[in-house]
N, C-alpha and C. Protein backbone atom coordinates (compact mmCIF):
# COMPACT_ATOMS: atom_id res chain seq x y z
N MET A 1 22.98 10.96 -27.43
CA MET A 1 23.07 12.42 -27.48
C MET A 1 22.02 12.93 -28.46
N ASN A 2 21.28 13.94 -28.03
CA ASN A 2 20.28 14.56 -28.89
C ASN A 2 20.99 15.35 -29.98
N ALA A 3 20.62 15.09 -31.24
CA ALA A 3 21.30 15.73 -32.37
C ALA A 3 20.84 17.16 -32.62
N VAL A 4 19.69 17.54 -32.11
CA VAL A 4 19.17 18.88 -32.35
C VAL A 4 19.67 19.82 -31.25
N LEU A 5 20.29 20.89 -31.67
CA LEU A 5 20.77 21.90 -30.74
C LEU A 5 19.58 22.67 -30.22
N THR A 6 19.46 22.77 -28.89
CA THR A 6 18.36 23.49 -28.26
C THR A 6 18.94 24.64 -27.45
N LEU A 7 18.54 25.86 -27.80
CA LEU A 7 19.06 27.06 -27.14
C LEU A 7 17.92 27.87 -26.55
N LEU A 8 18.19 28.47 -25.41
CA LEU A 8 17.27 29.44 -24.81
C LEU A 8 17.93 30.80 -24.95
N PHE A 9 17.32 31.70 -25.73
CA PHE A 9 17.83 33.06 -25.93
C PHE A 9 17.06 33.97 -24.99
N VAL A 10 17.77 34.69 -24.14
CA VAL A 10 17.11 35.55 -23.15
C VAL A 10 17.36 37.00 -23.50
N CYS A 11 16.26 37.77 -23.56
CA CYS A 11 16.35 39.21 -23.82
C CYS A 11 15.24 39.90 -23.04
N ASP A 12 15.33 41.22 -22.90
CA ASP A 12 14.28 41.96 -22.22
C ASP A 12 12.98 41.85 -23.01
N LYS A 13 11.87 41.83 -22.29
CA LYS A 13 10.56 41.77 -22.93
C LYS A 13 10.40 42.95 -23.89
N GLY A 14 9.97 42.67 -25.09
CA GLY A 14 9.77 43.72 -26.09
C GLY A 14 11.06 44.18 -26.74
N ASN A 15 12.18 43.54 -26.40
CA ASN A 15 13.46 43.96 -26.96
C ASN A 15 14.11 42.77 -27.66
N SER A 16 13.51 42.37 -28.77
CA SER A 16 14.02 41.19 -29.48
C SER A 16 14.72 41.60 -30.77
N GLY A 17 15.33 42.80 -30.79
CA GLY A 17 15.99 43.30 -31.99
C GLY A 17 17.46 42.93 -32.07
N SER A 18 17.90 41.94 -31.32
CA SER A 18 19.30 41.54 -31.36
C SER A 18 19.68 41.04 -32.74
N PRO A 19 20.84 41.46 -33.27
CA PRO A 19 21.28 40.97 -34.58
C PRO A 19 21.60 39.47 -34.54
N PHE A 20 21.79 38.91 -33.37
CA PHE A 20 22.10 37.48 -33.24
C PHE A 20 20.86 36.60 -33.32
N LEU A 21 19.71 37.17 -33.09
CA LEU A 21 18.48 36.39 -33.04
C LEU A 21 18.06 35.87 -34.41
N GLY A 22 18.23 36.66 -35.47
CA GLY A 22 17.84 36.25 -36.83
C GLY A 22 18.55 34.99 -37.29
N PRO A 23 19.89 34.93 -37.21
CA PRO A 23 20.58 33.71 -37.62
C PRO A 23 20.21 32.49 -36.78
N LEU A 24 19.94 32.70 -35.50
CA LEU A 24 19.53 31.57 -34.66
C LEU A 24 18.15 31.07 -35.08
N ARG A 25 17.25 32.00 -35.40
CA ARG A 25 15.91 31.60 -35.85
C ARG A 25 15.96 30.88 -37.20
N ALA A 26 16.88 31.26 -38.07
CA ALA A 26 16.96 30.69 -39.41
C ALA A 26 17.64 29.32 -39.43
N ALA A 27 18.39 29.01 -38.40
CA ALA A 27 19.15 27.75 -38.38
C ALA A 27 18.26 26.58 -38.02
N GLU A 28 18.75 25.39 -38.32
CA GLU A 28 18.03 24.17 -37.99
C GLU A 28 18.35 23.78 -36.55
N LEU A 29 17.74 24.49 -35.64
CA LEU A 29 17.89 24.20 -34.22
C LEU A 29 16.58 24.53 -33.53
N ARG A 30 16.48 24.16 -32.29
CA ARG A 30 15.29 24.46 -31.51
C ARG A 30 15.63 25.69 -30.68
N LEU A 31 14.92 26.80 -30.95
CA LEU A 31 15.19 28.07 -30.28
C LEU A 31 13.99 28.46 -29.44
N ILE A 32 14.26 28.75 -28.19
CA ILE A 32 13.25 29.23 -27.26
C ILE A 32 13.67 30.63 -26.86
N VAL A 33 12.76 31.59 -26.91
CA VAL A 33 13.08 32.96 -26.51
C VAL A 33 12.34 33.26 -25.22
N GLY A 34 13.09 33.70 -24.21
CA GLY A 34 12.51 33.99 -22.91
C GLY A 34 12.94 35.34 -22.40
N HIS A 35 12.27 35.76 -21.34
CA HIS A 35 12.54 37.07 -20.74
C HIS A 35 12.71 36.89 -19.23
N HIS A 36 13.93 36.99 -18.76
CA HIS A 36 14.28 36.95 -17.34
C HIS A 36 13.96 35.61 -16.68
N ALA A 37 14.28 35.52 -15.41
CA ALA A 37 14.26 34.25 -14.68
C ALA A 37 12.86 33.65 -14.56
N GLU A 38 11.83 34.49 -14.45
CA GLU A 38 10.47 33.94 -14.32
C GLU A 38 10.10 33.12 -15.56
N ASP A 39 10.36 33.68 -16.73
CA ASP A 39 10.10 32.96 -17.97
C ASP A 39 10.98 31.72 -18.07
N VAL A 40 12.23 31.86 -17.67
CA VAL A 40 13.16 30.74 -17.77
C VAL A 40 12.70 29.58 -16.91
N ARG A 41 12.24 29.86 -15.70
CA ARG A 41 11.71 28.80 -14.83
C ARG A 41 10.59 28.04 -15.54
N THR A 42 9.66 28.78 -16.12
CA THR A 42 8.53 28.16 -16.82
C THR A 42 8.99 27.40 -18.05
N LEU A 43 9.85 28.01 -18.85
CA LEU A 43 10.31 27.39 -20.09
C LEU A 43 11.13 26.14 -19.85
N LEU A 44 11.89 26.11 -18.76
CA LEU A 44 12.76 24.98 -18.51
C LEU A 44 12.07 23.86 -17.71
N ALA A 45 10.84 24.11 -17.26
CA ALA A 45 10.11 23.08 -16.52
C ALA A 45 9.84 21.89 -17.44
N GLY A 46 10.43 20.77 -17.11
CA GLY A 46 10.18 19.55 -17.88
C GLY A 46 10.95 19.44 -19.19
N GLN A 47 11.81 20.36 -19.50
CA GLN A 47 12.61 20.27 -20.71
C GLN A 47 14.02 20.79 -20.42
N SER A 48 14.95 20.39 -21.27
CA SER A 48 16.32 20.86 -21.07
C SER A 48 16.78 21.59 -22.33
N VAL A 49 17.76 22.43 -22.13
CA VAL A 49 18.37 23.14 -23.25
C VAL A 49 19.87 22.90 -23.19
N ASP A 50 20.52 22.99 -24.35
CA ASP A 50 21.97 22.81 -24.40
C ASP A 50 22.71 24.00 -23.82
N ALA A 51 22.12 25.20 -23.97
CA ALA A 51 22.76 26.40 -23.44
C ALA A 51 21.74 27.53 -23.37
N ILE A 52 22.06 28.49 -22.52
CA ILE A 52 21.30 29.74 -22.44
C ILE A 52 22.18 30.80 -23.08
N VAL A 53 21.63 31.53 -24.04
CA VAL A 53 22.38 32.52 -24.81
C VAL A 53 21.84 33.91 -24.50
N LEU A 54 22.75 34.84 -24.25
CA LEU A 54 22.38 36.22 -23.93
C LEU A 54 23.07 37.19 -24.87
N ASP A 55 22.37 38.25 -25.23
CA ASP A 55 22.98 39.40 -25.88
C ASP A 55 22.95 40.51 -24.84
N PRO A 56 24.08 40.81 -24.19
CA PRO A 56 24.05 41.78 -23.09
C PRO A 56 23.58 43.17 -23.49
N ASP A 57 23.68 43.51 -24.78
CA ASP A 57 23.21 44.82 -25.22
C ASP A 57 21.68 44.89 -25.25
N HIS A 58 21.03 43.75 -25.14
CA HIS A 58 19.57 43.73 -25.16
C HIS A 58 18.99 43.29 -23.82
N LEU A 59 19.76 43.54 -22.76
CA LEU A 59 19.32 43.30 -21.40
C LEU A 59 19.70 44.51 -20.56
N ARG A 60 18.80 44.91 -19.69
CA ARG A 60 19.11 46.05 -18.83
C ARG A 60 20.24 45.74 -17.85
N ASP A 61 20.25 44.53 -17.31
CA ASP A 61 21.24 44.16 -16.30
C ASP A 61 21.73 42.75 -16.58
N SER A 62 22.67 42.62 -17.50
CA SER A 62 23.11 41.27 -17.91
C SER A 62 23.78 40.51 -16.77
N HIS A 63 24.52 41.21 -15.91
CA HIS A 63 25.19 40.52 -14.79
C HIS A 63 24.16 39.95 -13.82
N GLY A 64 23.12 40.73 -13.51
CA GLY A 64 22.06 40.25 -12.62
C GLY A 64 21.28 39.11 -13.24
N VAL A 65 21.06 39.18 -14.55
CA VAL A 65 20.33 38.13 -15.25
C VAL A 65 21.13 36.83 -15.22
N VAL A 66 22.44 36.90 -15.43
CA VAL A 66 23.27 35.69 -15.38
C VAL A 66 23.15 35.03 -14.01
N ALA A 67 23.21 35.81 -12.95
CA ALA A 67 23.09 35.25 -11.59
C ALA A 67 21.73 34.58 -11.41
N GLU A 68 20.66 35.23 -11.89
CA GLU A 68 19.32 34.64 -11.79
C GLU A 68 19.23 33.34 -12.57
N LEU A 69 19.80 33.33 -13.79
CA LEU A 69 19.74 32.14 -14.63
C LEU A 69 20.51 30.98 -14.01
N LYS A 70 21.67 31.26 -13.43
CA LYS A 70 22.46 30.21 -12.80
C LYS A 70 21.74 29.65 -11.58
N ALA A 71 20.93 30.47 -10.91
CA ALA A 71 20.15 29.98 -9.78
C ALA A 71 19.05 29.03 -10.26
N VAL A 72 18.47 29.32 -11.42
CA VAL A 72 17.39 28.50 -11.98
C VAL A 72 17.94 27.25 -12.65
N ALA A 73 19.02 27.39 -13.39
CA ALA A 73 19.59 26.28 -14.16
C ALA A 73 21.10 26.23 -13.93
N PRO A 74 21.55 25.77 -12.77
CA PRO A 74 22.97 25.86 -12.44
C PRO A 74 23.91 25.05 -13.32
N LEU A 75 23.43 23.99 -13.95
CA LEU A 75 24.29 23.14 -14.77
C LEU A 75 24.25 23.49 -16.26
N THR A 76 23.38 24.43 -16.64
CA THR A 76 23.24 24.81 -18.04
C THR A 76 24.25 25.90 -18.38
N PRO A 77 25.06 25.69 -19.44
CA PRO A 77 26.04 26.72 -19.81
C PRO A 77 25.36 28.02 -20.26
N VAL A 78 25.94 29.14 -19.86
CA VAL A 78 25.46 30.46 -20.28
C VAL A 78 26.53 31.05 -21.19
N ILE A 79 26.09 31.48 -22.39
CA ILE A 79 27.01 32.03 -23.39
C ILE A 79 26.58 33.45 -23.74
N LEU A 80 27.52 34.38 -23.74
CA LEU A 80 27.25 35.76 -24.14
C LEU A 80 27.62 35.94 -25.60
N LEU A 81 26.76 36.63 -26.34
CA LEU A 81 27.05 37.03 -27.72
C LEU A 81 27.23 38.54 -27.69
N ARG A 82 28.45 38.99 -27.96
CA ARG A 82 28.76 40.43 -27.91
C ARG A 82 29.11 40.94 -29.29
N ARG A 83 28.86 42.23 -29.47
CA ARG A 83 29.27 42.90 -30.69
C ARG A 83 30.77 43.11 -30.65
N ARG A 84 31.42 42.85 -31.77
CA ARG A 84 32.88 43.00 -31.84
C ARG A 84 33.28 44.44 -31.55
N ASN A 85 32.50 45.39 -32.05
CA ASN A 85 32.85 46.80 -31.85
C ASN A 85 32.36 47.32 -30.49
N GLY A 86 31.71 46.46 -29.74
CA GLY A 86 31.20 46.86 -28.43
C GLY A 86 32.27 46.82 -27.37
N HIS A 87 31.84 47.06 -26.16
CA HIS A 87 32.77 47.10 -25.04
C HIS A 87 33.24 45.68 -24.69
N ALA A 88 34.54 45.50 -24.76
CA ALA A 88 35.11 44.24 -24.32
C ALA A 88 35.16 44.29 -22.80
N GLY A 89 35.20 43.17 -22.22
CA GLY A 89 35.27 43.15 -20.79
C GLY A 89 35.63 41.77 -20.30
N ILE A 90 35.70 41.66 -19.03
CA ILE A 90 36.00 40.39 -18.40
C ILE A 90 34.75 39.52 -18.48
N LYS A 91 34.97 38.23 -18.70
CA LYS A 91 33.85 37.29 -18.75
C LYS A 91 33.21 37.29 -17.37
N PRO A 92 31.90 37.60 -17.32
CA PRO A 92 31.22 37.66 -16.02
C PRO A 92 31.17 36.28 -15.35
N PRO A 93 31.11 36.25 -14.04
CA PRO A 93 30.98 34.98 -13.33
C PRO A 93 29.72 34.25 -13.81
N GLY A 94 29.83 32.95 -13.98
CA GLY A 94 28.69 32.14 -14.42
C GLY A 94 28.59 31.96 -15.92
N VAL A 95 29.39 32.71 -16.67
CA VAL A 95 29.37 32.62 -18.13
C VAL A 95 30.51 31.69 -18.56
N VAL A 96 30.19 30.69 -19.41
CA VAL A 96 31.23 29.76 -19.84
C VAL A 96 31.97 30.22 -21.09
N ALA A 97 31.32 31.04 -21.93
CA ALA A 97 31.96 31.48 -23.17
C ALA A 97 31.40 32.82 -23.60
N VAL A 98 32.24 33.59 -24.27
CA VAL A 98 31.82 34.86 -24.87
C VAL A 98 32.18 34.79 -26.35
N CYS A 99 31.20 35.02 -27.19
CA CYS A 99 31.40 35.01 -28.64
C CYS A 99 31.22 36.45 -29.13
N SER A 100 32.26 37.00 -29.78
CA SER A 100 32.19 38.36 -30.30
C SER A 100 32.09 38.32 -31.81
N ALA A 101 31.18 39.13 -32.37
CA ALA A 101 31.00 39.19 -33.82
C ALA A 101 30.57 40.59 -34.22
N ASP A 102 30.90 40.94 -35.44
CA ASP A 102 30.48 42.21 -36.01
C ASP A 102 29.04 42.05 -36.48
N PRO A 103 28.08 42.77 -35.91
CA PRO A 103 26.68 42.60 -36.30
C PRO A 103 26.38 42.99 -37.74
N ALA A 104 27.30 43.71 -38.38
CA ALA A 104 27.10 44.09 -39.78
C ALA A 104 27.61 43.02 -40.75
N ASP A 105 28.33 42.03 -40.25
CA ASP A 105 28.90 41.00 -41.11
C ASP A 105 28.00 39.76 -41.11
N GLU A 106 27.09 39.71 -42.10
CA GLU A 106 26.11 38.62 -42.15
C GLU A 106 26.77 37.26 -42.32
N SER A 107 27.90 37.20 -43.01
CA SER A 107 28.55 35.90 -43.19
C SER A 107 29.07 35.36 -41.86
N VAL A 108 29.53 36.23 -40.98
CA VAL A 108 29.97 35.80 -39.65
C VAL A 108 28.76 35.45 -38.80
N LEU A 109 27.76 36.30 -38.80
CA LEU A 109 26.56 36.04 -38.01
C LEU A 109 25.92 34.70 -38.38
N SER A 110 25.94 34.37 -39.67
CA SER A 110 25.29 33.13 -40.11
C SER A 110 26.01 31.88 -39.63
N THR A 111 27.26 32.01 -39.19
CA THR A 111 28.00 30.84 -38.70
C THR A 111 27.86 30.65 -37.19
N ILE A 112 27.25 31.59 -36.50
CA ILE A 112 27.13 31.49 -35.05
C ILE A 112 26.40 30.22 -34.61
N PRO A 113 25.29 29.82 -35.24
CA PRO A 113 24.66 28.57 -34.80
C PRO A 113 25.59 27.36 -34.90
N ALA A 114 26.36 27.26 -35.97
CA ALA A 114 27.30 26.14 -36.12
C ALA A 114 28.40 26.22 -35.06
N PHE A 115 28.88 27.42 -34.78
CA PHE A 115 29.90 27.60 -33.76
C PHE A 115 29.37 27.16 -32.39
N LEU A 116 28.15 27.58 -32.07
CA LEU A 116 27.56 27.18 -30.79
C LEU A 116 27.40 25.66 -30.72
N GLY A 117 26.98 25.04 -31.83
CA GLY A 117 26.87 23.59 -31.86
C GLY A 117 28.21 22.92 -31.62
N LEU A 118 29.25 23.49 -32.20
CA LEU A 118 30.59 22.94 -32.05
C LEU A 118 31.06 23.01 -30.60
N ILE A 119 30.95 24.17 -29.98
CA ILE A 119 31.44 24.30 -28.60
C ILE A 119 30.57 23.55 -27.61
N LEU A 120 29.33 23.25 -28.01
CA LEU A 120 28.43 22.50 -27.12
C LEU A 120 28.47 21.00 -27.39
N GLY A 121 29.33 20.57 -28.34
CA GLY A 121 29.54 19.15 -28.55
C GLY A 121 28.49 18.43 -29.36
N LYS A 122 27.85 19.11 -30.29
CA LYS A 122 26.87 18.44 -31.15
C LYS A 122 27.57 17.68 -32.26
N ARG A 123 26.92 16.70 -32.83
CA ARG A 123 27.51 15.83 -33.84
C ARG A 123 27.84 16.59 -35.12
N PRO A 124 28.91 16.19 -35.81
CA PRO A 124 29.34 16.89 -37.03
C PRO A 124 28.28 16.95 -38.12
N GLU A 125 27.49 15.88 -38.30
CA GLU A 125 26.48 15.93 -39.37
C GLU A 125 25.42 16.98 -39.05
N THR A 126 25.14 17.19 -37.77
CA THR A 126 24.20 18.24 -37.38
C THR A 126 24.81 19.60 -37.67
N LEU A 127 26.09 19.74 -37.40
CA LEU A 127 26.77 21.01 -37.68
C LEU A 127 26.77 21.30 -39.17
N ALA A 128 27.01 20.27 -39.99
CA ALA A 128 27.01 20.47 -41.44
C ALA A 128 25.64 20.95 -41.91
N ALA A 129 24.58 20.38 -41.35
CA ALA A 129 23.23 20.81 -41.71
C ALA A 129 22.98 22.25 -41.28
N MET A 130 23.49 22.62 -40.10
CA MET A 130 23.30 24.00 -39.63
C MET A 130 24.07 24.98 -40.51
N VAL A 131 25.30 24.62 -40.88
CA VAL A 131 26.09 25.50 -41.73
C VAL A 131 25.40 25.66 -43.08
N ALA A 132 24.87 24.57 -43.63
CA ALA A 132 24.17 24.64 -44.92
C ALA A 132 22.95 25.53 -44.81
N SER A 133 22.19 25.41 -43.72
CA SER A 133 20.99 26.23 -43.57
C SER A 133 21.36 27.69 -43.36
N CYS A 134 22.45 27.94 -42.63
CA CYS A 134 22.90 29.32 -42.42
C CYS A 134 23.44 29.93 -43.70
N GLY A 135 24.07 29.12 -44.54
CA GLY A 135 24.62 29.61 -45.79
C GLY A 135 23.56 30.15 -46.71
N ALA A 136 22.33 29.66 -46.56
CA ALA A 136 21.23 30.15 -47.38
C ALA A 136 20.91 31.59 -47.07
N MET A 137 21.34 32.09 -45.90
CA MET A 137 21.06 33.47 -45.50
C MET A 137 22.05 34.45 -46.12
N ARG A 138 23.19 33.96 -46.59
CA ARG A 138 24.22 34.86 -47.08
C ARG A 138 23.78 35.52 -48.38
N PRO A 139 24.09 36.80 -48.51
CA PRO A 139 23.76 37.48 -49.76
C PRO A 139 24.67 36.99 -50.89
N ASN A 140 24.18 37.03 -52.10
CA ASN A 140 25.00 36.65 -53.24
C ASN A 140 26.13 37.65 -53.40
N GLN A 141 27.33 37.11 -53.50
CA GLN A 141 28.49 37.99 -53.68
C GLN A 141 29.09 37.68 -55.04
N SER A 142 29.09 38.65 -55.93
CA SER A 142 29.65 38.41 -57.26
C SER A 142 30.90 39.21 -57.44
C-alpha cells in the first residue's frame, strides 16, 4: 500500500478560493488540482489517486461534474467537502462520502487531510505525520 495520500481536488478554472484547498496544500500529501473532466482525463493518465475531492460551492454544476468524473474514473472514490453552514442535502449519486466543516474553524479544517487519510485506509504513521503537519497551521491559542 502506498503510504502517501494522493488526492485530486476539482474546482472550476480560476476558482481555487475554496477554504478546503489551503489545508490540503499544507499537508504532507500529494495534491493535484484539476478543472472538469478534460483535465481529469489528462491528470489521471498513467497515474492513480486515492480519491477525487470536490467543493461543490466552487463548481458551477457539482452534480454534472460528479457524473463526468465517475465516467472517467469509475473506481475512484469521490468525496464532497461542504461548509457546515451551507445547504445540507442528500449525498449525490456517485459520491462515497460528504465531509461538512465550518470554513471559519481553522482547527477543524486542519484535520481534514488526516480524516481523508483515515477514511481512505492510509497507514496510521502516515496519518500521524499529516496531523503533525496540519497542527503547524493552527494559530497559537493562549
